[in-house]
Amino acid sequence: MANEFVADTTSGQIQGALDDGIVTFKGIPYAAPPIGALRFMPPVKPAPWQGVRDATKFGARAMQKEGAIALAPAIREIYSDPEQQPVSEDCLVLNVWTPALDDGGDRPVMVWLHGGAFISGNGSQPRLDGTNLAAKGDVVVVTLNHRLGAFGYLYLAEIGGADYAQSGNVGMLDIVAALEWVRDNIEKFGGDPDNVTVFGESGGGAKGCVLLAMSSAHGLFHKAIVQSGPSVETMDTALATETARAVMKEAGIASVDELVALPAEKLLAAQNTVLARISALSFANRRKQGFNPVIDGTILPGGPFAPTAPAISKDIPLMIGTNRDEMNLFFGLAPWAENATDATLPDAARQFLGDRTPGIVAAYRTADPAASARDLVLRIATDQSIRMPSLVIADRKVAQHGAPVYVYLFTWATPVVDGKLGSCHGLEIPFVFDNLDKVRVTGDAPTRGVLADAMSRAWIEFAYKDNPNHGGIPYWPAYSSADRPTMIFDLQCRVENDPLGAERKAWG
């Protein structure tokens, strides 16, 4: 019967559906639509509804440009999702996968924060389907959408005054509101509000870093997993104000009131024009330019991990890791990388390294004399933008002498696109969710299922007990800055102390 899967929430009843033994709810409002006068404002509670609301279809994606993250056509084809939801400002919704409803269960809750560099993405992609993870681990999985780009991170305090003091972080405040919804409602979905893990990849990992530094998020989650998404530093108010003025100039308006009234499509167009002026190669500085959370002194007082780890999160366990070939996703088919030779390698690397080019290129060549120039420049780009900042975060977290840190390196290489993607950015996601058959990027080799089981169980164990160890992997010790023990996720999982250490040391 349809009403068998009705759940109570603080706003009203919702109707879900059963899928492979897991009860699923989609498109649940966790805040009111941020439209009209609520644009650029912190989220507010959703209006209650009468009767039973249908929750069997995903809600709208946040406003975003299609193909906002530039990828080669061959790579974009692999990641294409033909069933994407429409975009809308009315996007503050979340999705829940649970093994049972209101059964007194105290299951861990795993809240996924999607990637997309704070300008794109959503929580309803096939690779993020929570069915398999919920079933395997007896956990409750939550994904969500929140405001992006200029709608979520346009800092207007110095232009529009105190009414807009929080505008530069309303996208993050949306996530806090979703976590508050979890706190207030998840028991009805069989979950434990006192055992919530936030996990996310790329921009989603960066959102986790920012949450760790936000007092408004304190107590709403209890563990964090950052996958290829370090955020050591983020936007300051000066650059954020400069970006806001640039958006207003592109939109042809002079006041914040006009900006509030601007049609969403025109605001998005102005945002995209401003973004187009930022070099796609500036990955190392991507958290400091464009549209990102803003260090405003109140919502985000500093950091997130500069100059130290946030003291407020000293007791929150952290898992953090990267993929060996992150930048292959973005630049693996680029002519400047594909055609690189030892003679052109310094010029190719200089776009990332500037004056540091000779020393770092020499160190990488010495560490791997047989590597191609293409592979070296892509490794340098990967390490500068993602691996090194992730290790900085791990070291600063360890220095607190608080909760443990676990570090991993994902090295399994996909065979698709003639093997040119390697262990690229985002490749680990379907392994974590055990959703290999829902995506094309992992190929079809049956052996990859062993790795998916090892990884998904490690994530589940971490959610249960602050520790990722289980019988399917070698013992994974907590990280230390002395030995740097790191779990290598591949067909044969293993622990190495300071993997790629010579390259790490090149950065000083």
Protein backbone atom coordinates (compact mmCIF):
# COMPACT_ATOMS: atom_id res chain seq x y z
CA MET A 1 0.00 0.00 0.00
CA ALA A 2 1.21 3.50 -0.82
CA ASN A 3 0.76 4.87 2.71
CA GLU A 4 3.08 2.21 4.07
CA PHE A 5 5.97 4.56 3.35
CA VAL A 6 4.70 7.78 4.88
CA ALA A 7 7.03 9.61 7.26
CA ASP A 8 6.37 12.44 9.68
CA THR A 9 8.54 15.56 9.54
CA THR A 10 8.39 18.84 11.40
CA SER A 11 6.73 20.43 8.36
CA GLY A 12 4.24 17.67 7.54
CA GLN A 13 3.93 14.14 6.25
CA ILE A 14 5.74 12.89 3.15
CA GLN A 15 5.21 9.88 0.91
CA GLY A 16 8.24 7.85 -0.11
CA ALA A 17 8.79 4.64 -2.06
CA LEU A 18 10.53 1.29 -1.64
CA ASP A 19 13.52 0.61 -3.90
CA ASP A 20 15.50 -2.63 -3.55
CA GLY A 21 14.50 -2.91 0.09
CA ILE A 22 15.42 0.68 0.93
CA VAL A 23 12.81 3.36 1.62
CA THR A 24 13.57 6.45 -0.43
CA PHE A 25 12.35 10.03 -0.09
CA LYS A 26 13.25 12.66 -2.67
CA GLY A 27 12.87 16.40 -2.95
CA ILE A 28 12.06 17.08 0.71
CA PRO A 29 12.06 20.85 1.42
CA TYR A 30 14.40 21.68 4.29
CA ALA A 31 13.97 25.45 3.89
CA ALA A 32 11.64 27.88 2.17
CA PRO A 33 12.35 28.75 -1.49
CA PRO A 34 15.03 31.52 -1.42
CA ILE A 35 13.22 33.68 -3.95
CA GLY A 36 12.08 37.28 -4.05
CA ALA A 37 13.11 39.13 -0.91
CA LEU A 38 14.77 35.93 0.40
CA ARG A 39 17.40 35.97 -2.35
CA PHE A 40 20.86 36.48 -0.76
CA MET A 41 19.29 35.96 2.66
CA PRO A 42 19.90 33.12 5.16
CA PRO A 43 17.49 30.20 4.78
CA VAL A 44 14.24 30.15 6.73
CA LYS A 45 12.10 27.21 7.78
CA PRO A 46 9.74 25.81 5.15
CA ALA A 47 6.05 26.52 5.49
CA PRO A 48 4.15 23.51 6.86
CA TRP A 49 1.80 21.67 4.55
CA GLN A 50 -1.46 19.80 5.00
CA GLY A 51 -1.99 16.21 3.95
CA VAL A 52 0.73 13.94 2.60
CA ARG A 53 3.32 15.51 0.29
CA ASP A 54 4.70 13.38 -2.53
CA ALA A 55 8.43 12.74 -2.07
CA THR A 56 9.13 10.28 -4.87
CA LYS A 57 10.79 12.66 -7.35
CA PHE A 58 14.01 14.64 -7.08
CA GLY A 59 13.74 18.40 -6.70
CA ALA A 60 15.30 21.07 -8.88
CA ARG A 61 19.02 21.67 -9.11
CA ALA A 62 20.39 25.02 -7.98
CA MET A 63 20.87 27.69 -10.63
CA GLN A 64 24.00 26.81 -12.62
CA LYS A 65 25.50 26.84 -16.07
CA GLU A 66 25.34 23.55 -17.93
CA GLY A 67 28.89 22.31 -18.34
CA ALA A 68 30.20 24.84 -15.84
CA ILE A 69 33.28 22.68 -15.24
CA ALA A 70 35.18 22.48 -18.52
CA LEU A 71 35.88 18.91 -19.66
CA ALA A 72 37.00 17.46 -22.98
CA PRO A 73 34.05 16.14 -25.05
CA ALA A 74 35.17 12.51 -24.72
CA ILE A 75 35.25 12.87 -20.94
CA ARG A 76 31.99 14.83 -20.72
CA GLU A 77 30.25 12.07 -22.65
CA ILE A 78 31.22 9.51 -20.03
CA TYR A 79 29.84 11.68 -17.24
CA SER A 80 26.66 12.76 -19.02
CA ASP A 81 23.40 12.38 -17.09
CA PRO A 82 20.41 12.35 -19.45
CA GLU A 83 17.89 12.62 -16.61
CA GLN A 84 19.09 15.78 -14.90
CA GLN A 85 16.51 17.84 -13.07
CA PRO A 86 15.73 21.41 -14.20
CA VAL A 87 17.46 24.34 -12.49
CA SER A 88 15.59 26.74 -10.24
CA GLU A 89 16.13 29.09 -7.33
CA ASP A 90 13.61 26.89 -5.53
CA CYS A 91 16.24 24.23 -4.87
CA LEU A 92 16.54 23.79 -1.09
CA VAL A 93 15.66 20.11 -0.95
CA LEU A 94 17.22 16.92 0.34
CA ASN A 95 16.88 13.18 -0.28
CA VAL A 96 16.89 10.30 2.22
CA TRP A 97 17.61 6.58 1.81
CA THR A 98 16.87 4.44 4.86
CA PRO A 99 16.50 0.73 5.67
CA ALA A 100 13.46 1.39 7.91
CA LEU A 101 11.14 4.10 9.17
CA ASP A 102 10.58 5.14 12.78
CA ASP A 103 11.73 1.79 14.16
CA GLY A 104 13.74 3.17 17.05
CA GLY A 105 16.88 2.55 15.06
CA ASP A 106 20.04 4.43 15.90
CA ARG A 107 21.71 4.09 12.52
CA PRO A 108 24.61 6.36 11.58
CA VAL A 109 23.60 9.16 9.24
CA MET A 110 25.85 9.92 6.26
CA VAL A 111 25.20 13.34 4.70
CA TRP A 112 26.76 13.81 1.26
CA LEU A 113 27.86 17.25 0.08
CA HIS A 114 28.09 17.35 -3.71
CA GLY A 115 31.04 18.67 -5.67
CA GLY A 116 31.14 21.25 -8.41
CA ALA A 117 33.40 24.03 -7.09
CA PHE A 118 30.54 25.94 -5.40
CA ILE A 119 29.09 26.75 -8.85
CA SER A 120 27.58 23.47 -10.08
CA GLY A 121 26.44 19.99 -9.10
CA ASN A 122 23.51 18.42 -7.30
CA GLY A 123 22.59 15.60 -4.94
CA SER A 124 20.55 13.53 -7.38
CA GLN A 125 23.21 12.18 -9.74
CA PRO A 126 23.02 8.40 -10.37
CA ARG A 127 26.44 7.81 -8.82
CA LEU A 128 25.12 9.36 -5.57
CA ASP A 129 22.14 7.02 -5.24
CA GLY A 130 22.17 5.96 -1.58
CA THR A 131 20.41 2.61 -1.99
CA ASN A 132 23.46 0.34 -1.99
CA LEU A 133 25.29 2.19 0.78
CA ALA A 134 22.21 2.21 3.04
CA ALA A 135 21.59 -1.48 2.44
CA LYS A 136 25.19 -2.59 2.86
CA GLY A 137 25.86 -0.66 6.04
CA ASP A 138 22.43 -0.32 7.65
CA VAL A 139 22.95 3.43 7.56
CA VAL A 140 20.79 6.40 6.59
CA VAL A 141 22.10 8.33 3.57
CA VAL A 142 21.19 11.95 2.87
CA THR A 143 22.05 14.07 -0.18
CA LEU A 144 21.03 17.68 -0.73
CA ASN A 145 20.98 20.72 -3.00
CA HIS A 146 21.86 24.24 -1.90
CA ARG A 147 22.44 27.63 -3.47
CA LEU A 148 25.47 27.94 -5.72
CA GLY A 149 27.50 30.65 -7.42
CA ALA A 150 26.24 34.19 -7.12
CA PHE A 151 23.01 32.97 -5.55
CA GLY A 152 24.87 31.40 -2.63
CA TYR A 153 28.18 33.25 -2.32
CA LEU A 154 27.78 36.87 -3.45
CA TYR A 155 29.18 39.05 -0.68
CA LEU A 156 27.08 42.22 -0.59
CA ALA A 157 27.74 43.49 2.95
CA GLU A 158 30.01 46.34 1.82
CA ILE A 159 27.61 47.31 -0.97
CA GLY A 160 24.17 46.72 0.51
CA GLY A 161 24.88 47.20 4.20
CA ALA A 162 24.05 45.18 7.31
CA ASP A 163 20.94 43.57 5.82
CA TYR A 164 23.26 41.57 3.58
CA ALA A 165 25.93 40.77 6.15
CA GLN A 166 25.52 37.02 5.65
CA SER A 167 25.04 36.99 1.88
CA GLY A 168 28.52 35.70 1.09
CA ASN A 169 27.81 32.46 2.93
CA VAL A 170 24.12 31.72 2.43
CA GLY A 171 25.01 28.62 0.42
CA MET A 172 26.84 27.26 3.44
CA LEU A 173 23.99 28.33 5.71
CA ASP A 174 21.71 26.26 3.47
CA ILE A 175 23.83 23.23 4.34
CA VAL A 176 23.57 24.12 8.03
CA ALA A 177 19.78 24.29 7.63
CA ALA A 178 19.82 20.83 6.03
CA LEU A 179 21.85 19.52 8.96
CA GLU A 180 19.34 21.10 11.33
CA TRP A 181 16.60 19.27 9.43
CA VAL A 182 18.55 16.04 9.96
CA ARG A 183 18.86 16.80 13.68
CA ASP A 184 15.14 17.47 14.02
CA ASN A 185 13.76 14.73 11.77
CA ILE A 186 16.14 11.87 11.14
CA GLU A 187 14.94 9.72 14.06
CA LYS A 188 11.68 9.27 12.14
CA PHE A 189 13.81 7.80 9.35
CA GLY A 190 15.61 5.34 11.61
CA GLY A 191 18.72 7.47 12.02
CA ASP A 192 20.69 8.76 15.00
CA PRO A 193 20.93 12.58 15.10
CA ASP A 194 23.87 12.23 17.47
CA ASN A 195 25.94 10.27 14.94
CA VAL A 196 26.11 12.28 11.72
CA THR A 197 29.01 12.11 9.26
CA VAL A 198 29.38 14.72 6.53
CA PHE A 199 31.27 13.51 3.49
CA GLY A 200 31.88 15.02 0.09
CA GLU A 201 34.19 15.21 -2.88
CA SER A 202 35.90 18.17 -4.58
CA GLY A 203 33.77 21.24 -3.77
CA GLY A 204 31.81 18.97 -1.44
CA GLY A 205 34.97 18.19 0.49
CA ALA A 206 35.71 21.90 0.65
CA LYS A 207 32.23 22.44 2.09
CA GLY A 208 33.12 19.94 4.79
CA CYS A 209 36.29 21.90 5.57
CA VAL A 210 34.28 25.11 5.89
CA LEU A 211 31.66 23.46 8.12
CA LEU A 212 34.45 22.44 10.47
CA ALA A 213 35.18 26.15 11.02
CA MET A 214 31.56 27.37 11.36
CA SER A 215 30.12 27.79 14.85
CA SER A 216 26.58 27.51 13.45
CA ALA A 217 27.39 23.98 12.26
CA HIS A 218 28.99 22.89 15.52
CA GLY A 219 27.16 19.94 17.08
CA LEU A 220 25.19 19.16 13.91
CA PHE A 221 27.74 16.62 12.67
CA HIS A 222 30.27 14.44 14.44
CA LYS A 223 32.69 13.17 11.78
CA ALA A 224 33.91 14.47 8.44
CA ILE A 225 35.32 12.90 5.27
CA VAL A 226 37.05 15.16 2.73
CA GLN A 227 37.57 13.51 -0.66
CA SER A 228 39.85 15.44 -3.03
CA GLY A 229 38.44 18.73 -1.76
CA PRO A 230 40.84 20.57 0.54
CA SER A 231 40.02 24.13 1.54
CA VAL A 232 42.90 25.54 3.54
CA GLU A 233 41.94 29.13 2.80
CA THR A 234 38.97 30.76 1.10
CA MET A 235 37.71 34.17 -0.07
CA ASP A 236 38.46 37.37 1.81
CA THR A 237 35.98 40.23 1.90
CA ALA A 238 38.01 42.47 -0.41
CA LEU A 239 38.09 39.99 -3.29
CA ALA A 240 34.53 38.94 -2.58
CA THR A 241 33.34 42.54 -2.80
CA GLU A 242 35.29 43.02 -6.01
CA THR A 243 33.54 39.97 -7.46
CA ALA A 244 30.12 41.27 -6.40
CA ARG A 245 30.79 44.62 -8.07
CA ALA A 246 31.88 42.83 -11.24
CA VAL A 247 28.61 40.86 -11.29
CA MET A 248 26.59 44.04 -10.86
CA LYS A 249 28.52 45.75 -13.63
CA GLU A 250 27.92 42.83 -15.99
CA ALA A 251 24.23 42.87 -15.12
CA GLY A 252 24.07 46.61 -15.79
CA ILE A 253 22.71 47.52 -12.38
CA ALA A 254 23.82 49.91 -9.67
CA SER A 255 22.00 48.82 -6.50
CA VAL A 256 21.44 45.69 -4.48
CA ASP A 257 17.69 46.24 -4.74
CA GLU A 258 18.01 45.89 -8.51
CA LEU A 259 20.14 42.79 -7.99
CA VAL A 260 17.46 41.22 -5.82
CA ALA A 261 14.84 41.91 -8.52
CA LEU A 262 17.02 40.72 -11.42
CA PRO A 263 15.63 37.65 -13.25
CA ALA A 264 17.54 34.56 -12.19
CA GLU A 265 18.72 33.82 -15.74
CA LYS A 266 20.28 37.29 -16.03
CA LEU A 267 22.04 36.96 -12.69
CA LEU A 268 23.39 33.58 -13.79
CA ALA A 269 24.58 35.06 -17.09
CA ALA A 270 26.43 37.85 -15.27
CA GLN A 271 27.99 35.27 -12.95
CA ASN A 272 29.20 33.19 -15.88
CA THR A 273 30.74 36.18 -17.65
CA VAL A 274 32.71 37.05 -14.53
CA LEU A 275 33.84 33.44 -14.12
CA ALA A 276 35.00 33.29 -17.74
CA ARG A 277 37.72 35.82 -16.93
CA ILE A 278 39.28 33.49 -14.37
CA SER A 279 41.84 31.10 -15.81
CA ALA A 280 40.75 27.48 -15.71
CA LEU A 281 44.34 26.63 -14.81
CA SER A 282 44.28 28.55 -11.53
CA PHE A 283 43.31 25.50 -9.51
CA ALA A 284 45.65 26.27 -6.64
CA ASN A 285 43.87 29.57 -6.00
CA ARG A 286 40.35 28.50 -6.90
CA ARG A 287 39.04 28.89 -3.33
CA LYS A 288 40.14 32.53 -3.27
CA GLN A 289 38.51 33.74 -6.47
CA GLY A 290 35.14 33.52 -8.13
CA PHE A 291 32.31 32.30 -5.90
CA ASN A 292 33.26 30.64 -2.64
CA PRO A 293 32.50 30.93 1.08
CA VAL A 294 33.70 34.25 2.46
CA ILE A 295 35.70 34.86 5.61
CA ASP A 296 33.29 37.48 6.93
CA GLY A 297 34.32 37.37 10.59
CA THR A 298 31.00 36.02 11.81
CA ILE A 299 29.55 33.12 9.82
CA LEU A 300 33.07 32.10 8.83
CA PRO A 301 35.54 33.70 11.25
CA GLY A 302 38.71 32.50 9.53
CA GLY A 303 40.60 29.67 7.92
CA PRO A 304 39.10 27.20 7.42
CA PHE A 305 42.53 25.61 8.04
CA ALA A 306 44.77 28.67 8.03
CA PRO A 307 46.89 29.29 9.94
CA THR A 308 45.80 26.26 11.99
CA ALA A 309 42.99 23.72 12.11
CA PRO A 310 39.76 25.17 13.56
CA ALA A 311 39.78 24.76 17.34
CA ILE A 312 36.00 24.38 17.38
CA SER A 313 36.36 21.01 15.62
CA LYS A 314 39.30 19.61 17.55
CA ASP A 315 37.27 16.59 18.68
CA ILE A 316 35.77 15.72 15.28
CA PRO A 317 37.48 12.74 13.60
CA LEU A 318 38.57 13.37 10.02
CA MET A 319 39.24 11.15 7.03
CA ILE A 320 40.93 12.94 4.14
CA GLY A 321 42.44 11.73 0.90
CA THR A 322 43.12 12.28 -2.77
CA ASN A 323 43.36 10.44 -6.06
CA ARG A 324 46.76 9.94 -7.66
CA ASP A 325 45.83 11.52 -11.02
CA GLU A 326 43.25 14.18 -10.07
CA MET A 327 44.03 16.64 -12.85
CA ASN A 328 43.77 14.04 -15.61
CA LEU A 329 40.02 14.67 -15.54
CA PHE A 330 40.50 18.31 -16.50
CA PHE A 331 43.74 18.34 -18.48
CA GLY A 332 44.42 14.72 -19.44
CA LEU A 333 43.38 15.31 -23.05
CA ALA A 334 44.63 18.90 -23.34
CA PRO A 335 47.13 19.35 -26.18
CA TRP A 336 49.64 21.17 -23.97
CA ALA A 337 49.78 18.11 -21.72
CA GLU A 338 49.38 15.43 -24.39
CA ASN A 339 52.18 16.91 -26.49
CA ALA A 340 54.54 17.72 -23.63
CA THR A 341 58.18 16.66 -23.99
CA ASP A 342 61.09 17.01 -21.62
CA ALA A 343 62.01 20.15 -23.54
CA THR A 344 58.56 21.73 -23.18
CA LEU A 345 57.86 20.37 -19.68
CA PRO A 346 59.15 23.47 -17.83
CA ASP A 347 56.92 25.77 -19.88
CA ALA A 348 53.92 23.49 -19.35
CA ALA A 349 54.55 23.41 -15.61
CA ARG A 350 55.22 27.14 -15.28
CA GLN A 351 51.51 27.95 -15.60
CA PHE A 352 51.08 26.21 -12.25
CA LEU A 353 54.42 26.85 -10.58
CA GLY A 354 55.78 30.21 -11.68
CA ASP A 355 59.25 30.80 -10.23
CA ARG A 356 59.26 27.42 -8.48
CA THR A 357 59.26 25.57 -11.79
CA PRO A 358 62.94 24.48 -12.11
CA GLY A 359 63.27 22.97 -8.64
CA ILE A 360 59.96 21.13 -8.58
CA VAL A 361 60.25 19.79 -12.14
CA ALA A 362 63.74 18.51 -11.34
CA ALA A 363 62.56 16.83 -8.14
CA TYR A 364 59.69 15.05 -9.92
CA ARG A 365 61.95 13.94 -12.76
CA THR A 366 64.48 12.57 -10.25
CA ALA A 367 61.75 10.75 -8.34
CA ASP A 368 60.47 9.04 -11.51
CA PRO A 369 63.05 9.08 -14.32
CA ALA A 370 60.92 6.87 -16.58
CA ALA A 371 57.72 8.94 -16.43
CA SER A 372 56.51 10.75 -19.52
CA ALA A 373 56.53 14.53 -19.56
CA ARG A 374 52.72 14.40 -19.78
CA ASP A 375 52.43 12.35 -16.62
CA LEU A 376 54.88 14.54 -14.73
CA VAL A 377 53.14 17.82 -15.48
CA LEU A 378 49.75 16.34 -14.58
CA ARG A 379 51.14 14.96 -11.31
CA ILE A 380 52.61 18.35 -10.48
CA ALA A 381 49.24 20.01 -11.13
CA THR A 382 47.50 17.36 -9.02
CA ASP A 383 49.86 17.72 -6.10
CA GLN A 384 49.90 21.51 -6.08
CA SER A 385 46.14 21.90 -6.18
CA ILE A 386 44.80 18.93 -4.22
CA ARG A 387 47.27 16.51 -2.64
CA MET A 388 49.55 19.03 -0.92
CA PRO A 389 46.70 21.12 0.55
CA SER A 390 45.06 17.91 1.77
CA LEU A 391 48.23 16.92 3.58
CA VAL A 392 48.49 20.42 5.06
CA ILE A 393 45.01 19.93 6.48
CA ALA A 394 45.95 16.50 7.84
CA ASP A 395 49.10 17.87 9.49
CA ARG A 396 47.29 20.81 11.05
CA LYS A 397 44.54 18.55 12.33
CA VAL A 398 47.11 16.17 13.84
CA ALA A 399 48.84 19.12 15.51
CA GLN A 400 45.71 19.73 17.59
CA HIS A 401 46.26 16.44 19.45
CA GLY A 402 42.52 15.86 19.34
CA ALA A 403 40.42 13.43 17.32
CA PRO A 404 42.23 11.10 14.91
CA VAL A 405 42.92 11.72 11.23
CA TYR A 406 42.99 8.99 8.58
CA VAL A 407 44.67 9.66 5.23
CA TYR A 408 44.21 7.70 1.99
CA LEU A 409 45.49 7.75 -1.59
CA PHE A 410 43.27 6.24 -4.32
CA THR A 411 45.41 4.77 -7.11
CA TRP A 412 43.07 2.49 -9.09
CA ALA A 413 43.16 3.57 -12.73
CA THR A 414 40.15 3.37 -15.01
CA PRO A 415 40.60 1.79 -18.46
CA VAL A 416 38.14 4.14 -20.20
CA VAL A 417 39.33 6.83 -22.63
CA ASP A 418 42.31 4.61 -23.49
CA GLY A 419 43.50 4.75 -19.90
CA LYS A 420 44.29 8.47 -20.10
CA LEU A 421 42.18 9.35 -17.06
CA GLY A 422 44.20 7.20 -14.67
CA SER A 423 43.03 7.67 -11.07
CA CYS A 424 41.26 10.89 -11.95
CA HIS A 425 39.27 13.40 -9.92
CA GLY A 426 35.95 11.99 -8.77
CA LEU A 427 36.70 8.41 -9.81
CA GLU A 428 36.44 7.16 -6.23
CA ILE A 429 32.81 8.30 -5.77
CA PRO A 430 31.08 5.25 -7.31
CA PHE A 431 33.40 3.03 -5.25
CA VAL A 432 32.40 4.82 -2.03
CA PHE A 433 28.68 4.50 -2.87
CA ASP A 434 29.16 1.01 -4.35
CA ASN A 435 27.44 2.26 -7.50
CA LEU A 436 29.79 0.91 -10.17
CA ASP A 437 26.94 -0.21 -12.39
CA LYS A 438 25.32 3.24 -12.38
CA VAL A 439 28.23 4.98 -14.14
CA ARG A 440 30.42 4.39 -17.17
CA VAL A 441 33.65 5.92 -15.90
CA THR A 442 34.81 2.77 -14.06
CA GLY A 443 34.54 0.46 -17.08
CA ASP A 444 33.25 -3.09 -16.62
CA ALA A 445 36.07 -5.20 -15.18
CA PRO A 446 34.54 -7.44 -12.48
CA THR A 447 37.61 -7.10 -10.27
CA ARG A 448 36.73 -3.49 -9.46
CA GLY A 449 33.90 -4.73 -7.24
CA VAL A 450 36.41 -5.90 -4.64
CA LEU A 451 37.72 -2.36 -4.28
CA ALA A 452 34.20 -0.92 -4.10
CA ASP A 453 33.42 -3.27 -1.23
CA ALA A 454 36.63 -2.36 0.60
CA MET A 455 36.05 1.38 0.25
CA SER A 456 32.33 1.53 0.94
CA ARG A 457 32.81 -0.58 4.07
CA ALA A 458 35.63 1.70 5.26
CA TRP A 459 33.36 4.73 4.91
CA ILE A 460 30.56 2.91 6.72
CA GLU A 461 32.85 1.80 9.55
CA PHE A 462 34.11 5.35 9.98
CA ALA A 463 30.51 6.52 10.28
CA TYR A 464 29.82 3.88 12.92
CA LYS A 465 32.87 4.13 15.11
CA ASP A 466 35.20 7.00 14.15
CA ASN A 467 37.56 4.42 12.65
CA PRO A 468 37.58 3.03 9.08
CA ASN A 469 39.12 -0.34 9.85
CA HIS A 470 37.35 -3.57 8.85
CA GLY A 471 38.29 -7.09 7.92
CA GLY A 472 38.50 -6.42 4.20
CA ILE A 473 41.52 -4.09 4.38
CA PRO A 474 44.90 -4.14 6.11
CA TYR A 475 45.08 -2.34 9.45
CA TRP A 476 44.85 1.41 8.81
CA PRO A 477 46.55 3.42 11.56
CA ALA A 478 45.68 7.00 12.39
CA TYR A 479 47.86 9.57 10.66
CA SER A 480 50.93 11.14 12.20
CA SER A 481 53.21 13.79 10.76
CA ALA A 482 56.21 11.67 11.60
CA ASP A 483 55.39 8.41 9.78
CA ARG A 484 52.53 9.58 7.52
CA PRO A 485 50.76 6.18 7.28
CA THR A 486 48.44 6.24 4.27
CA MET A 487 45.91 3.70 3.02
CA ILE A 488 46.46 2.99 -0.67
CA PHE A 489 43.11 2.07 -2.22
CA ASP A 490 43.64 -0.20 -5.22
CA LEU A 491 42.82 -3.77 -6.19
CA GLN A 492 45.33 -4.74 -3.49
CA CYS A 493 44.81 -2.28 -0.63
CA ARG A 494 47.87 -1.60 1.47
CA VAL A 495 49.31 0.93 3.92
CA GLU A 496 52.42 2.91 2.99
CA ASN A 497 54.28 5.45 5.05
CA ASP A 498 54.65 8.74 3.18
CA PRO A 499 53.78 7.54 -0.35
CA LEU A 500 55.26 9.75 -3.06
CA GLY A 501 57.37 11.24 -0.31
CA ALA A 502 60.12 12.59 -2.56
CA GLU A 503 57.54 14.60 -4.49
CA ARG A 504 55.95 15.82 -1.26
CA LYS A 505 59.28 17.06 0.06
CA ALA A 506 59.84 19.08 -3.12
CA TRP A 507 57.15 21.51 -2.01
CA GLY A 508 59.03 22.36 1.22
